[in-house]
Amino acid sequence: MVARTLVSSPGLAPLARLFYATLAPKYPIFVTGKGGGLTPMGRDGETGVAQGSVEAGVAFAISIHPELKVLDAELRPYGGGARAGHDDVRACGPPWIVFAAMQRFHDALFLRLRPVVQPSQCECW
């Protein structure tokens, strides 16, 4: 999905091959086992990046950019907006607008990318 998003953006299209080459191959996933050793998880990664890897934040930011632009445009008429940095999204505006807009943002992302939202990392202030 990252490569497709890059190709659709004229300014980022030249990076598509690099990201595809980085993300395409299967690679083993390891977890920390007893005694601190690495144990194979039993499946390979092949559809995205490993969380915490150097390219993960950039890949995620590029992937959500189309939906982020829609969210930002939806909030602007109310004096708000949406911005993202690395893998964090911030939306501001009147609460009755922001919460509904964020739900639509989440639903659109889930349909295309299937990300898992961590409610314990969500804040409202």
PDB file of N, CA and C in Angstrom:
ATOM      1  N   MET A   1       0.823  -1.182   0.000  1.00  0.00           N
ATOM      2  CA  MET A   1       0.000   0.000   0.000  1.00  0.00           C
ATOM      3  C   MET A   1       0.873   1.255   0.000  1.00  0.00           C
ATOM      4  N   VAL A   2       2.028   1.204   0.641  1.00  0.00           N
ATOM      5  CA  VAL A   2       2.919   2.359   0.666  1.00  0.00           C
ATOM      6  C   VAL A   2       3.353   2.707  -0.750  1.00  0.00           C
ATOM      7  N   ALA A   3       3.784   1.704  -1.512  1.00  0.00           N
ATOM      8  CA  ALA A   3       4.249   1.958  -2.880  1.00  0.00           C
ATOM      9  C   ALA A   3       3.130   2.540  -3.729  1.00  0.00           C
ATOM     10  N   ARG A   4       1.914   2.037  -3.583  1.00  0.00           N
ATOM     11  CA  ARG A   4       0.778   2.580  -4.349  1.00  0.00           C
ATOM     12  C   ARG A   4       0.523   4.042  -3.992  1.00  0.00           C
ATOM     13  N   THR A   5       0.595   4.358  -2.716  1.00  0.00           N
ATOM     14  CA  THR A   5       0.384   5.740  -2.291  1.00  0.00           C
ATOM     15  C   THR A   5       1.474   6.639  -2.842  1.00  0.00           C
ATOM     16  N   LEU A   6       2.704   6.173  -2.822  1.00  0.00           N
ATOM     17  CA  LEU A   6       3.820   6.955  -3.373  1.00  0.00           C
ATOM     18  C   LEU A   6       3.630   7.208  -4.864  1.00  0.00           C
ATOM     19  N   VAL A   7       3.267   6.192  -5.603  1.00  0.00           N
ATOM     20  CA  VAL A   7       3.094   6.331  -7.049  1.00  0.00           C
ATOM     21  C   VAL A   7       2.016   7.358  -7.367  1.00  0.00           C
ATOM     22  N   SER A   8       0.988   7.456  -6.528  1.00  0.00           N
ATOM     23  CA  SER A   8      -0.112   8.387  -6.804  1.00  0.00           C
ATOM     24  C   SER A   8       0.232   9.833  -6.468  1.00  0.00           C
ATOM     25  N   SER A   9       1.375  10.077  -5.861  1.00  0.00           N
ATOM     26  CA  SER A   9       1.801  11.429  -5.510  1.00  0.00           C
ATOM     27  C   SER A   9       3.000  11.825  -6.363  1.00  0.00           C
ATOM     28  N   PRO A  10       2.836  12.787  -7.292  1.00  0.00           N
ATOM     29  CA  PRO A  10       3.928  13.133  -8.207  1.00  0.00           C
ATOM     30  C   PRO A  10       5.255  13.449  -7.510  1.00  0.00           C
ATOM     31  N   GLY A  11       5.208  14.121  -6.390  1.00  0.00           N
ATOM     32  CA  GLY A  11       6.445  14.480  -5.699  1.00  0.00           C
ATOM     33  C   GLY A  11       7.139  13.308  -5.026  1.00  0.00           C
ATOM     34  N   LEU A  12       6.385  12.264  -4.718  1.00  0.00           N
ATOM     35  CA  LEU A  12       6.943  11.114  -4.004  1.00  0.00           C
ATOM     36  C   LEU A  12       7.119   9.883  -4.875  1.00  0.00           C
ATOM     37  N   ALA A  13       6.592   9.918  -6.097  1.00  0.00           N
ATOM     38  CA  ALA A  13       6.634   8.757  -6.985  1.00  0.00           C
ATOM     39  C   ALA A  13       8.031   8.170  -7.167  1.00  0.00           C
ATOM     40  N   PRO A  14       9.096   8.990  -7.245  1.00  0.00           N
ATOM     41  CA  PRO A  14      10.426   8.396  -7.415  1.00  0.00           C
ATOM     42  C   PRO A  14      10.855   7.467  -6.266  1.00  0.00           C
ATOM     43  N   LEU A  15      10.215   7.584  -5.104  1.00  0.00           N
ATOM     44  CA  LEU A  15      10.574   6.739  -3.961  1.00  0.00           C
ATOM     45  C   LEU A  15       9.865   5.382  -3.970  1.00  0.00           C
ATOM     46  N   ALA A  16       8.909   5.194  -4.872  1.00  0.00           N
ATOM     47  CA  ALA A  16       8.091   3.982  -4.865  1.00  0.00           C
ATOM     48  C   ALA A  16       8.929   2.721  -5.006  1.00  0.00           C
ATOM     49  N   ARG A  17       9.871   2.708  -5.923  1.00  0.00           N
ATOM     50  CA  ARG A  17      10.690   1.499  -6.120  1.00  0.00           C
ATOM     51  C   ARG A  17      11.521   1.174  -4.883  1.00  0.00           C
ATOM     52  N   LEU A  18      12.072   2.211  -4.251  1.00  0.00           N
ATOM     53  CA  LEU A  18      12.870   1.990  -3.042  1.00  0.00           C
ATOM     54  C   LEU A  18      12.023   1.349  -1.948  1.00  0.00           C
ATOM     55  N   PHE A  19      10.856   1.912  -1.692  1.00  0.00           N
ATOM     56  CA  PHE A  19      10.003   1.356  -0.644  1.00  0.00           C
ATOM     57  C   PHE A  19       9.517  -0.040  -1.014  1.00  0.00           C
ATOM     58  N   TYR A  20       9.182  -0.255  -2.278  1.00  0.00           N
ATOM     59  CA  TYR A  20       8.731  -1.582  -2.693  1.00  0.00           C
ATOM     60  C   TYR A  20       9.842  -2.609  -2.474  1.00  0.00           C
ATOM     61  N   ALA A  21      11.047  -2.240  -2.867  1.00  0.00           N
ATOM     62  CA  ALA A  21      12.179  -3.162  -2.699  1.00  0.00           C
ATOM     63  C   ALA A  21      12.440  -3.445  -1.222  1.00  0.00           C
ATOM     64  N   THR A  22      12.226  -2.445  -0.378  1.00  0.00           N
ATOM     65  CA  THR A  22      12.447  -2.609   1.061  1.00  0.00           C
ATOM     66  C   THR A  22      11.346  -3.444   1.703  1.00  0.00           C
ATOM     67  N   LEU A  23      10.116  -3.255   1.248  1.00  0.00           N
ATOM     68  CA  LEU A  23       8.978  -3.889   1.908  1.00  0.00           C
ATOM     69  C   LEU A  23       8.570  -5.219   1.306  1.00  0.00           C
ATOM     70  N   ALA A  24       8.931  -5.481   0.055  1.00  0.00           N
ATOM     71  CA  ALA A  24       8.409  -6.641  -0.656  1.00  0.00           C
ATOM     72  C   ALA A  24       8.913  -7.988  -0.161  1.00  0.00           C
ATOM     73  N   PRO A  25      10.190  -8.152   0.137  1.00  0.00           N
ATOM     74  CA  PRO A  25      10.653  -9.499   0.476  1.00  0.00           C
ATOM     75  C   PRO A  25      10.086  -9.995   1.809  1.00  0.00           C
ATOM     76  N   LYS A  26       9.915 -11.312   1.888  1.00  0.00           N
ATOM     77  CA  LYS A  26       9.529 -11.905   3.172  1.00  0.00           C
ATOM     78  C   LYS A  26      10.746 -11.887   4.086  1.00  0.00           C
ATOM     79  N   TYR A  27      10.493 -11.723   5.346  1.00  0.00           N
ATOM     80  CA  TYR A  27      11.571 -11.747   6.327  1.00  0.00           C
ATOM     81  C   TYR A  27      11.052 -12.406   7.586  1.00  0.00           C
ATOM     82  N   PRO A  28      11.902 -13.140   8.296  1.00  0.00           N
ATOM     83  CA  PRO A  28      11.443 -13.821   9.511  1.00  0.00           C
ATOM     84  C   PRO A  28      11.173 -12.817  10.632  1.00  0.00           C
ATOM     85  N   ILE A  29      10.166 -13.107  11.427  1.00  0.00           N
ATOM     86  CA  ILE A  29       9.843 -12.277  12.589  1.00  0.00           C
ATOM     87  C   ILE A  29      10.256 -13.050  13.833  1.00  0.00           C
ATOM     88  N   PHE A  30      11.002 -12.405  14.710  1.00  0.00           N
ATOM     89  CA  PHE A  30      11.452 -13.020  15.951  1.00  0.00           C
ATOM     90  C   PHE A  30      10.859 -12.288  17.145  1.00  0.00           C
ATOM     91  N   VAL A  31      10.643 -13.009  18.218  1.00  0.00           N
ATOM     92  CA  VAL A  31      10.194 -12.412  19.478  1.00  0.00           C
ATOM     93  C   VAL A  31      11.185 -12.810  20.562  1.00  0.00           C
ATOM     94  N   THR A  32      11.223 -12.033  21.617  1.00  0.00           N
ATOM     95  CA  THR A  32      12.116 -12.351  22.718  1.00  0.00           C
ATOM     96  C   THR A  32      11.562 -13.551  23.477  1.00  0.00           C
ATOM     97  N   GLY A  33      12.381 -14.549  23.607  1.00  0.00           N
ATOM     98  CA  GLY A  33      11.963 -15.762  24.300  1.00  0.00           C
ATOM     99  C   GLY A  33      12.502 -15.805  25.715  1.00  0.00           C
ATOM    100  N   LYS A  34      12.369 -16.942  26.344  1.00  0.00           N
ATOM    101  CA  LYS A  34      12.872 -17.118  27.701  1.00  0.00           C
ATOM    102  C   LYS A  34      14.377 -16.921  27.705  1.00  0.00           C
ATOM    103  N   GLY A  35      14.869 -16.268  28.701  1.00  0.00           N
ATOM    104  CA  GLY A  35      16.303 -16.032  28.817  1.00  0.00           C
ATOM    105  C   GLY A  35      16.812 -14.938  27.893  1.00  0.00           C
ATOM    106  N   GLY A  36      15.904 -14.215  27.259  1.00  0.00           N
ATOM    107  CA  GLY A  36      16.309 -13.099  26.411  1.00  0.00           C
ATOM    108  C   GLY A  36      16.705 -13.473  25.002  1.00  0.00           C
ATOM    109  N   GLY A  37      16.688 -14.763  24.659  1.00  0.00           N
ATOM    110  CA  GLY A  37      17.040 -15.175  23.301  1.00  0.00           C
ATOM    111  C   GLY A  37      15.926 -14.857  22.320  1.00  0.00           C
ATOM    112  N   LEU A  38      16.245 -14.840  21.036  1.00  0.00           N
ATOM    113  CA  LEU A  38      15.243 -14.595  20.012  1.00  0.00           C
ATOM    114  C   LEU A  38      14.670 -15.906  19.506  1.00  0.00           C
ATOM    115  N   THR A  39      13.342 -15.974  19.479  1.00  0.00           N
ATOM    116  CA  THR A  39      12.635 -17.163  19.039  1.00  0.00           C
ATOM    117  C   THR A  39      11.835 -16.820  17.788  1.00  0.00           C
ATOM    118  N   PRO A  40      11.885 -17.655  16.737  1.00  0.00           N
ATOM    119  CA  PRO A  40      11.061 -17.373  15.559  1.00  0.00           C
ATOM    120  C   PRO A  40       9.585 -17.349  15.939  1.00  0.00           C
ATOM    121  N   MET A  41       8.844 -16.386  15.394  1.00  0.00           N
ATOM    122  CA  MET A  41       7.429 -16.237  15.713  1.00  0.00           C
ATOM    123  C   MET A  41       6.587 -17.288  15.000  1.00  0.00           C
ATOM    124  N   GLY A  42       7.118 -17.875  13.929  1.00  0.00           N
ATOM    125  CA  GLY A  42       6.357 -18.883  13.212  1.00  0.00           C
ATOM    126  C   GLY A  42       5.675 -18.345  11.967  1.00  0.00           C
ATOM    127  N   ARG A  43       5.876 -17.084  11.664  1.00  0.00           N
ATOM    128  CA  ARG A  43       5.349 -16.518  10.423  1.00  0.00           C
ATOM    129  C   ARG A  43       6.316 -15.460   9.931  1.00  0.00           C
ATOM    130  N   ASP A  44       6.207 -15.142   8.664  1.00  0.00           N
ATOM    131  CA  ASP A  44       7.081 -14.144   8.059  1.00  0.00           C
ATOM    132  C   ASP A  44       6.335 -12.844   7.860  1.00  0.00           C
ATOM    133  N   GLY A  45       7.083 -11.738   7.836  1.00  0.00           N
ATOM    134  CA  GLY A  45       6.518 -10.452   7.488  1.00  0.00           C
ATOM    135  C   GLY A  45       6.616 -10.272   5.990  1.00  0.00           C
ATOM    136  N   GLU A  46       5.569  -9.715   5.394  1.00  0.00           N
ATOM    137  CA  GLU A  46       5.630  -9.475   3.959  1.00  0.00           C
ATOM    138  C   GLU A  46       4.688  -8.379   3.506  1.00  0.00           C
ATOM    139  N   THR A  47       3.882  -7.825   4.384  1.00  0.00           N
ATOM    140  CA  THR A  47       2.891  -6.859   3.927  1.00  0.00           C
ATOM    141  C   THR A  47       3.135  -5.457   4.467  1.00  0.00           C
ATOM    142  N   GLY A  48       4.186  -5.252   5.186  1.00  0.00           N
ATOM    143  CA  GLY A  48       4.429  -3.928   5.739  1.00  0.00           C
ATOM    144  C   GLY A  48       5.810  -3.863   6.325  1.00  0.00           C
ATOM    145  N   VAL A  49       5.980  -2.966   7.270  1.00  0.00           N
ATOM    146  CA  VAL A  49       7.282  -2.799   7.900  1.00  0.00           C
ATOM    147  C   VAL A  49       7.202  -3.295   9.336  1.00  0.00           C
ATOM    148  N   ALA A  50       8.334  -3.604   9.900  1.00  0.00           N
ATOM    149  CA  ALA A  50       8.379  -4.000  11.299  1.00  0.00           C
ATOM    150  C   ALA A  50       8.270  -2.754  12.165  1.00  0.00           C
ATOM    151  N   GLN A  51       7.384  -2.786  13.153  1.00  0.00           N
ATOM    152  CA  GLN A  51       7.217  -1.647  14.033  1.00  0.00           C
ATOM    153  C   GLN A  51       8.545  -1.307  14.682  1.00  0.00           C
ATOM    154  N   GLY A  52       8.884  -0.040  14.667  1.00  0.00           N
ATOM    155  CA  GLY A  52      10.130   0.415  15.257  1.00  0.00           C
ATOM    156  C   GLY A  52      11.281   0.455  14.273  1.00  0.00           C
ATOM    157  N   SER A  53      11.098  -0.091  13.080  1.00  0.00           N
ATOM    158  CA  SER A  53      12.170  -0.032  12.087  1.00  0.00           C
ATOM    159  C   SER A  53      12.305   1.400  11.572  1.00  0.00           C
ATOM    160  N   VAL A  54      13.441   1.688  11.012  1.00  0.00           N
ATOM    161  CA  VAL A  54      13.741   3.051  10.558  1.00  0.00           C
ATOM    162  C   VAL A  54      12.688   3.561   9.588  1.00  0.00           C
ATOM    163  N   GLU A  55      12.263   2.727   8.655  1.00  0.00           N
ATOM    164  CA  GLU A  55      11.327   3.191   7.635  1.00  0.00           C
ATOM    165  C   GLU A  55       9.861   3.125   8.058  1.00  0.00           C
ATOM    166  N   ALA A  56       9.555   2.541   9.208  1.00  0.00           N
ATOM    167  CA  ALA A  56       8.166   2.330   9.616  1.00  0.00           C
ATOM    168  C   ALA A  56       7.376   3.626   9.737  1.00  0.00           C
ATOM    169  N   GLY A  57       7.924   4.618  10.399  1.00  0.00           N
ATOM    170  CA  GLY A  57       7.200   5.877  10.584  1.00  0.00           C
ATOM    171  C   GLY A  57       6.939   6.586   9.277  1.00  0.00           C
ATOM    172  N   VAL A  58       7.943   6.621   8.414  1.00  0.00           N
ATOM    173  CA  VAL A  58       7.787   7.273   7.112  1.00  0.00           C
ATOM    174  C   VAL A  58       6.758   6.516   6.277  1.00  0.00           C
ATOM    175  N   ALA A  59       6.850   5.195   6.270  1.00  0.00           N
ATOM    176  CA  ALA A  59       5.911   4.392   5.492  1.00  0.00           C
ATOM    177  C   ALA A  59       4.484   4.591   5.989  1.00  0.00           C
ATOM    178  N   PHE A  60       4.293   4.624   7.297  1.00  0.00           N
ATOM    179  CA  PHE A  60       2.955   4.822   7.847  1.00  0.00           C
ATOM    180  C   PHE A  60       2.425   6.201   7.493  1.00  0.00           C
ATOM    181  N   ALA A  61       3.266   7.230   7.641  1.00  0.00           N
ATOM    182  CA  ALA A  61       2.838   8.597   7.329  1.00  0.00           C
ATOM    183  C   ALA A  61       2.418   8.724   5.869  1.00  0.00           C
ATOM    184  N   ILE A  62       3.191   8.126   4.987  1.00  0.00           N
ATOM    185  CA  ILE A  62       2.849   8.169   3.562  1.00  0.00           C
ATOM    186  C   ILE A  62       1.545   7.430   3.315  1.00  0.00           C
ATOM    187  N   SER A  63       1.367   6.300   3.966  1.00  0.00           N
ATOM    188  CA  SER A  63       0.180   5.471   3.747  1.00  0.00           C
ATOM    189  C   SER A  63      -1.104   6.155   4.178  1.00  0.00           C
ATOM    190  N   ILE A  64      -1.072   6.921   5.267  1.00  0.00           N
ATOM    191  CA  ILE A  64      -2.302   7.547   5.763  1.00  0.00           C
ATOM    192  C   ILE A  64      -2.550   8.923   5.164  1.00  0.00           C
ATOM    193  N   HIS A  65      -1.626   9.425   4.363  1.00  0.00           N
ATOM    194  CA  HIS A  65      -1.740  10.797   3.860  1.00  0.00           C
ATOM    195  C   HIS A  65      -3.048  11.086   3.113  1.00  0.00           C
ATOM    196  N   PRO A  66      -3.544  10.202   2.240  1.00  0.00           N
ATOM    197  CA  PRO A  66      -4.813  10.517   1.557  1.00  0.00           C
ATOM    198  C   PRO A  66      -5.977  10.731   2.529  1.00  0.00           C
ATOM    199  N   GLU A  67      -6.099   9.870   3.514  1.00  0.00           N
ATOM    200  CA  GLU A  67      -7.189  10.023   4.494  1.00  0.00           C
ATOM    201  C   GLU A  67      -6.955  11.218   5.406  1.00  0.00           C
ATOM    202  N   LEU A  68      -5.697  11.517   5.711  1.00  0.00           N
ATOM    203  CA  LEU A  68      -5.384  12.674   6.555  1.00  0.00           C
ATOM    204  C   LEU A  68      -5.798  13.967   5.862  1.00  0.00           C
ATOM    205  N   LYS A  69      -5.590  14.059   4.554  1.00  0.00           N
ATOM    206  CA  LYS A  69      -5.999  15.254   3.808  1.00  0.00           C
ATOM    207  C   LYS A  69      -7.516  15.434   3.874  1.00  0.00           C
ATOM    208  N   VAL A  70      -8.256  14.335   3.788  1.00  0.00           N
ATOM    209  CA  VAL A  70      -9.722  14.401   3.878  1.00  0.00           C
ATOM    210  C   VAL A  70     -10.141  14.872   5.270  1.00  0.00           C
ATOM    211  N   LEU A  71      -9.523  14.322   6.306  1.00  0.00           N
ATOM    212  CA  LEU A  71      -9.825  14.721   7.681  1.00  0.00           C
ATOM    213  C   LEU A  71      -9.543  16.202   7.883  1.00  0.00           C
ATOM    214  N   ASP A  72      -8.382  16.660   7.432  1.00  0.00           N
ATOM    215  CA  ASP A  72      -8.015  18.069   7.567  1.00  0.00           C
ATOM    216  C   ASP A  72      -9.035  18.965   6.869  1.00  0.00           C
ATOM    217  N   ALA A  73      -9.425  18.616   5.653  1.00  0.00           N
ATOM    218  CA  ALA A  73     -10.396  19.419   4.895  1.00  0.00           C
ATOM    219  C   ALA A  73     -11.752  19.448   5.598  1.00  0.00           C
ATOM    220  N   GLU A  74     -12.114  18.348   6.236  1.00  0.00           N
ATOM    221  CA  GLU A  74     -13.392  18.286   6.946  1.00  0.00           C
ATOM    222  C   GLU A  74     -13.403  19.194   8.183  1.00  0.00           C
ATOM    223  N   LEU A  75     -12.254  19.350   8.837  1.00  0.00           N
ATOM    224  CA  LEU A  75     -12.187  20.134  10.070  1.00  0.00           C
ATOM    225  C   LEU A  75     -11.939  21.625   9.825  1.00  0.00           C
ATOM    226  N   ARG A  76     -11.358  21.989   8.708  1.00  0.00           N
ATOM    227  CA  ARG A  76     -11.009  23.389   8.434  1.00  0.00           C
ATOM    228  C   ARG A  76     -12.189  24.364   8.509  1.00  0.00           C
ATOM    229  N   PRO A  77     -13.357  24.032   7.956  1.00  0.00           N
ATOM    230  CA  PRO A  77     -14.481  24.979   8.030  1.00  0.00           C
ATOM    231  C   PRO A  77     -14.899  25.337   9.462  1.00  0.00           C
ATOM    232  N   TYR A  78     -14.482  24.535  10.418  1.00  0.00           N
ATOM    233  CA  TYR A  78     -14.836  24.763  11.820  1.00  0.00           C
ATOM    234  C   TYR A  78     -13.675  25.354  12.615  1.00  0.00           C
ATOM    235  N   GLY A  79     -12.657  25.833  11.909  1.00  0.00           N
ATOM    236  CA  GLY A  79     -11.497  26.428  12.568  1.00  0.00           C
ATOM    237  C   GLY A  79     -10.502  25.407  13.078  1.00  0.00           C
ATOM    238  N   GLY A  80     -10.646  24.175  12.658  1.00  0.00           N
ATOM    239  CA  GLY A  80      -9.768  23.118  13.116  1.00  0.00           C
ATOM    240  C   GLY A  80      -8.847  22.626  12.019  1.00  0.00           C
ATOM    241  N   GLY A  81      -8.326  21.454  12.216  1.00  0.00           N
ATOM    242  CA  GLY A  81      -7.438  20.853  11.232  1.00  0.00           C
ATOM    243  C   GLY A  81      -6.891  19.545  11.753  1.00  0.00           C
ATOM    244  N   ALA A  82      -6.130  18.866  10.911  1.00  0.00           N
ATOM    245  CA  ALA A  82      -5.518  17.590  11.290  1.00  0.00           C
ATOM    246  C   ALA A  82      -4.077  17.578  10.814  1.00  0.00           C
ATOM    247  N   ARG A  83      -3.203  17.094  11.655  1.00  0.00           N
ATOM    248  CA  ARG A  83      -1.778  16.963  11.333  1.00  0.00           C
ATOM    249  C   ARG A  83      -1.292  15.626  11.875  1.00  0.00           C
ATOM    250  N   ALA A  84      -0.235  15.137  11.288  1.00  0.00           N
ATOM    251  CA  ALA A  84       0.345  13.882  11.756  1.00  0.00           C
ATOM    252  C   ALA A  84       1.850  14.007  11.773  1.00  0.00           C
ATOM    253  N   GLY A  85       2.458  13.353  12.728  1.00  0.00           N
ATOM    254  CA  GLY A  85       3.905  13.284  12.820  1.00  0.00           C
ATOM    255  C   GLY A  85       4.280  11.863  13.166  1.00  0.00           C
ATOM    256  N   HIS A  86       5.117  11.280  12.349  1.00  0.00           N
ATOM    257  CA  HIS A  86       5.520   9.892  12.500  1.00  0.00           C
ATOM    258  C   HIS A  86       4.275   9.015  12.455  1.00  0.00           C
ATOM    259  N   ASP A  87       3.849   8.445  13.563  1.00  0.00           N
ATOM    260  CA  ASP A  87       2.637   7.626  13.542  1.00  0.00           C
ATOM    261  C   ASP A  87       1.562   8.154  14.489  1.00  0.00           C
ATOM    262  N   ASP A  88       1.648   9.434  14.822  1.00  0.00           N
ATOM    263  CA  ASP A  88       0.656  10.070  15.684  1.00  0.00           C
ATOM    264  C   ASP A  88      -0.164  11.061  14.873  1.00  0.00           C
ATOM    265  N   VAL A  89      -1.478  11.027  15.055  1.00  0.00           N
ATOM    266  CA  VAL A  89      -2.386  11.936  14.365  1.00  0.00           C
ATOM    267  C   VAL A  89      -3.026  12.850  15.399  1.00  0.00           C
ATOM    268  N   ARG A  90      -3.076  14.133  15.072  1.00  0.00           N
ATOM    269  CA  ARG A  90      -3.721  15.113  15.945  1.00  0.00           C
ATOM    270  C   ARG A  90      -4.811  15.821  15.158  1.00  0.00           C
ATOM    271  N   ALA A  91      -5.987  15.899  15.745  1.00  0.00           N
ATOM    272  CA  ALA A  91      -7.106  16.601  15.127  1.00  0.00           C
ATOM    273  C   ALA A  91      -7.625  17.614  16.128  1.00  0.00           C
ATOM    274  N   CYS A  92      -7.951  18.805  15.648  1.00  0.00           N
ATOM    275  CA  CYS A  92      -8.492  19.818  16.549  1.00  0.00           C
ATOM    276  C   CYS A  92      -9.699  20.486  15.906  1.00  0.00           C
ATOM    277  N   GLY A  93     -10.547  20.983  16.760  1.00  0.00           N
ATOM    278  CA  GLY A  93     -11.788  21.626  16.351  1.00  0.00           C
ATOM    279  C   GLY A  93     -12.835  21.389  17.415  1.00  0.00           C
ATOM    280  N   PRO A  94     -14.071  21.792  17.160  1.00  0.00           N
ATOM    281  CA  PRO A  94     -15.132  21.557  18.138  1.00  0.00           C
ATOM    282  C   PRO A  94     -15.319  20.048  18.368  1.00  0.00           C
ATOM    283  N   PRO A  95     -15.443  19.633  19.618  1.00  0.00           N
ATOM    284  CA  PRO A  95     -15.530  18.195  19.925  1.00  0.00           C
ATOM    285  C   PRO A  95     -16.617  17.454  19.145  1.00  0.00           C
ATOM    286  N   TRP A  96     -17.777  18.057  18.980  1.00  0.00           N
ATOM    287  CA  TRP A  96     -18.876  17.383  18.293  1.00  0.00           C
ATOM    288  C   TRP A  96     -18.559  17.167  16.809  1.00  0.00           C
ATOM    289  N   ILE A  97     -17.613  17.908  16.262  1.00  0.00           N
ATOM    290  CA  ILE A  97     -17.171  17.722  14.884  1.00  0.00           C
ATOM    291  C   ILE A  97     -15.984  16.751  14.841  1.00  0.00           C
ATOM    292  N   VAL A  98     -15.017  16.957  15.745  1.00  0.00           N
ATOM    293  CA  VAL A  98     -13.783  16.173  15.728  1.00  0.00           C
ATOM    294  C   VAL A  98     -14.034  14.684  15.961  1.00  0.00           C
ATOM    295  N   PHE A  99     -14.857  14.340  16.946  1.00  0.00           N
ATOM    296  CA  PHE A  99     -15.061  12.925  17.253  1.00  0.00           C
ATOM    297  C   PHE A  99     -15.705  12.181  16.083  1.00  0.00           C
ATOM    298  N   ALA A 100     -16.698  12.788  15.458  1.00  0.00           N
ATOM    299  CA  ALA A 100     -17.340  12.154  14.302  1.00  0.00           C
ATOM    300  C   ALA A 100     -16.368  12.065  13.122  1.00  0.00           C
ATOM    301  N   ALA A 101     -15.588  13.121  12.910  1.00  0.00           N
ATOM    302  CA  ALA A 101     -14.617  13.128  11.813  1.00  0.00           C
ATOM    303  C   ALA A 101     -13.523  12.086  12.044  1.00  0.00           C
ATOM    304  N   MET A 102     -13.068  11.959  13.286  1.00  0.00           N
ATOM    305  CA  MET A 102     -12.040  10.959  13.596  1.00  0.00           C
ATOM    306  C   MET A 102     -12.566   9.536  13.391  1.00  0.00           C
ATOM    307  N   GLN A 103     -13.843   9.322  13.684  1.00  0.00           N
ATOM    308  CA  GLN A 103     -14.424   7.997  13.449  1.00  0.00           C
ATOM    309  C   GLN A 103     -14.429   7.686  11.954  1.00  0.00           C
ATOM    310  N   ARG A 104     -14.806   8.683  11.129  1.00  0.00           N
ATOM    311  CA  ARG A 104     -14.789   8.479   9.677  1.00  0.00           C
ATOM    312  C   ARG A 104     -13.364   8.250   9.179  1.00  0.00           C
ATOM    313  N   PHE A 105     -12.393   8.987   9.734  1.00  0.00           N
ATOM    314  CA  PHE A 105     -10.979   8.819   9.392  1.00  0.00           C
ATOM    315  C   PHE A 105     -10.536   7.392   9.711  1.00  0.00           C
ATOM    316  N   HIS A 106     -10.859   6.932  10.909  1.00  0.00           N
ATOM    317  CA  HIS A 106     -10.516   5.566  11.321  1.00  0.00           C
ATOM    318  C   HIS A 106     -11.160   4.541  10.392  1.00  0.00           C
ATOM    319  N   ASP A 107     -12.443   4.718  10.102  1.00  0.00           N
ATOM    320  CA  ASP A 107     -13.153   3.759   9.257  1.00  0.00           C
ATOM    321  C   ASP A 107     -12.531   3.686   7.862  1.00  0.00           C
ATOM    322  N   ALA A 108     -12.173   4.848   7.302  1.00  0.00           N
ATOM    323  CA  ALA A 108     -11.554   4.880   5.969  1.00  0.00           C
ATOM    324  C   ALA A 108     -10.189   4.190   5.987  1.00  0.00           C
ATOM    325  N   LEU A 109      -9.401   4.461   7.032  1.00  0.00           N
ATOM    326  CA  LEU A 109      -8.096   3.806   7.146  1.00  0.00           C
ATOM    327  C   LEU A 109      -8.255   2.301   7.311  1.00  0.00           C
ATOM    328  N   PHE A 110      -9.213   1.896   8.123  1.00  0.00           N
ATOM    329  CA  PHE A 110      -9.391   0.467   8.380  1.00  0.00           C
ATOM    330  C   PHE A 110      -9.776  -0.274   7.108  1.00  0.00           C
ATOM    331  N   LEU A 111     -10.628   0.333   6.294  1.00  0.00           N
ATOM    332  CA  LEU A 111     -11.028  -0.310   5.043  1.00  0.00           C
ATOM    333  C   LEU A 111      -9.836  -0.535   4.116  1.00  0.00           C
ATOM    334  N   ARG A 112      -8.908   0.412   4.093  1.00  0.00           N
ATOM    335  CA  ARG A 112      -7.792   0.334   3.148  1.00  0.00           C
ATOM    336  C   ARG A 112      -6.562  -0.345   3.724  1.00  0.00           C
ATOM    337  N   LEU A 113      -6.228  -0.058   4.986  1.00  0.00           N
ATOM    338  CA  LEU A 113      -4.953  -0.505   5.545  1.00  0.00           C
ATOM    339  C   LEU A 113      -5.060  -1.512   6.682  1.00  0.00           C
ATOM    340  N   ARG A 114      -6.195  -1.572   7.340  1.00  0.00           N
ATOM    341  CA  ARG A 114      -6.398  -2.452   8.491  1.00  0.00           C
ATOM    342  C   ARG A 114      -5.455  -2.178   9.666  1.00  0.00           C
ATOM    343  N   PRO A 115      -5.196  -0.904   9.998  1.00  0.00           N
ATOM    344  CA  PRO A 115      -4.329  -0.645  11.157  1.00  0.00           C
ATOM    345  C   PRO A 115      -5.074  -0.967  12.456  1.00  0.00           C
ATOM    346  N   VAL A 116      -4.326  -1.210  13.504  1.00  0.00           N
ATOM    347  CA  VAL A 116      -4.912  -1.463  14.816  1.00  0.00           C
ATOM    348  C   VAL A 116      -4.699  -0.220  15.665  1.00  0.00           C
ATOM    349  N   VAL A 117      -5.787   0.401  16.086  1.00  0.00           N
ATOM    350  CA  VAL A 117      -5.716   1.587  16.929  1.00  0.00           C
ATOM    351  C   VAL A 117      -5.526   1.137  18.373  1.00  0.00           C
ATOM    352  N   GLN A 118      -4.657   1.821  19.065  1.00  0.00           N
ATOM    353  CA  GLN A 118      -4.399   1.518  20.470  1.00  0.00           C
ATOM    354  C   GLN A 118      -5.158   2.535  21.333  1.00  0.00           C
ATOM    355  N   PRO A 119      -6.365   2.204  21.802  1.00  0.00           N
ATOM    356  CA  PRO A 119      -7.160   3.163  22.592  1.00  0.00           C
ATOM    357  C   PRO A 119      -6.396   3.706  23.814  1.00  0.00           C
ATOM    358  N   SER A 120      -5.522   2.884  24.388  1.00  0.00           N
ATOM    359  CA  SER A 120      -4.776   3.345  25.563  1.00  0.00           C
ATOM    360  C   SER A 120      -3.788   4.448  25.211  1.00  0.00           C
ATOM    361  N   GLN A 121      -3.514   4.627  23.920  1.00  0.00           N
ATOM    362  CA  GLN A 121      -2.598   5.688  23.497  1.00  0.00           C
ATOM    363  C   GLN A 121      -3.335   6.889  22.913  1.00  0.00           C
ATOM    364  N   CYS A 122      -4.669   6.864  22.981  1.00  0.00           N
ATOM    365  CA  CYS A 122      -5.479   7.973  22.462  1.00  0.00           C
ATOM    366  C   CYS A 122      -5.771   8.951  23.594  1.00  0.00           C
ATOM    367  N   GLU A 123      -5.711  10.231  23.281  1.00  0.00           N
ATOM    368  CA  GLU A 123      -5.947  11.272  24.280  1.00  0.00           C
ATOM    369  C   GLU A 123      -6.899  12.319  23.723  1.00  0.00           C
ATOM    370  N   CYS A 124      -7.603  12.961  24.613  1.00  0.00           N
ATOM    371  CA  CYS A 124      -8.465  14.078  24.253  1.00  0.00           C
ATOM    372  C   CYS A 124      -8.277  15.169  25.291  1.00  0.00           C
ATOM    373  N   TRP A 125      -7.971  16.380  24.815  1.00  0.00           N
ATOM    374  CA  TRP A 125      -7.824  17.507  25.736  1.00  0.00           C
ATOM    375  C   TRP A 125      -8.240  18.774  25.063  1.00  0.00           C
TER     376      TRP A 125
END
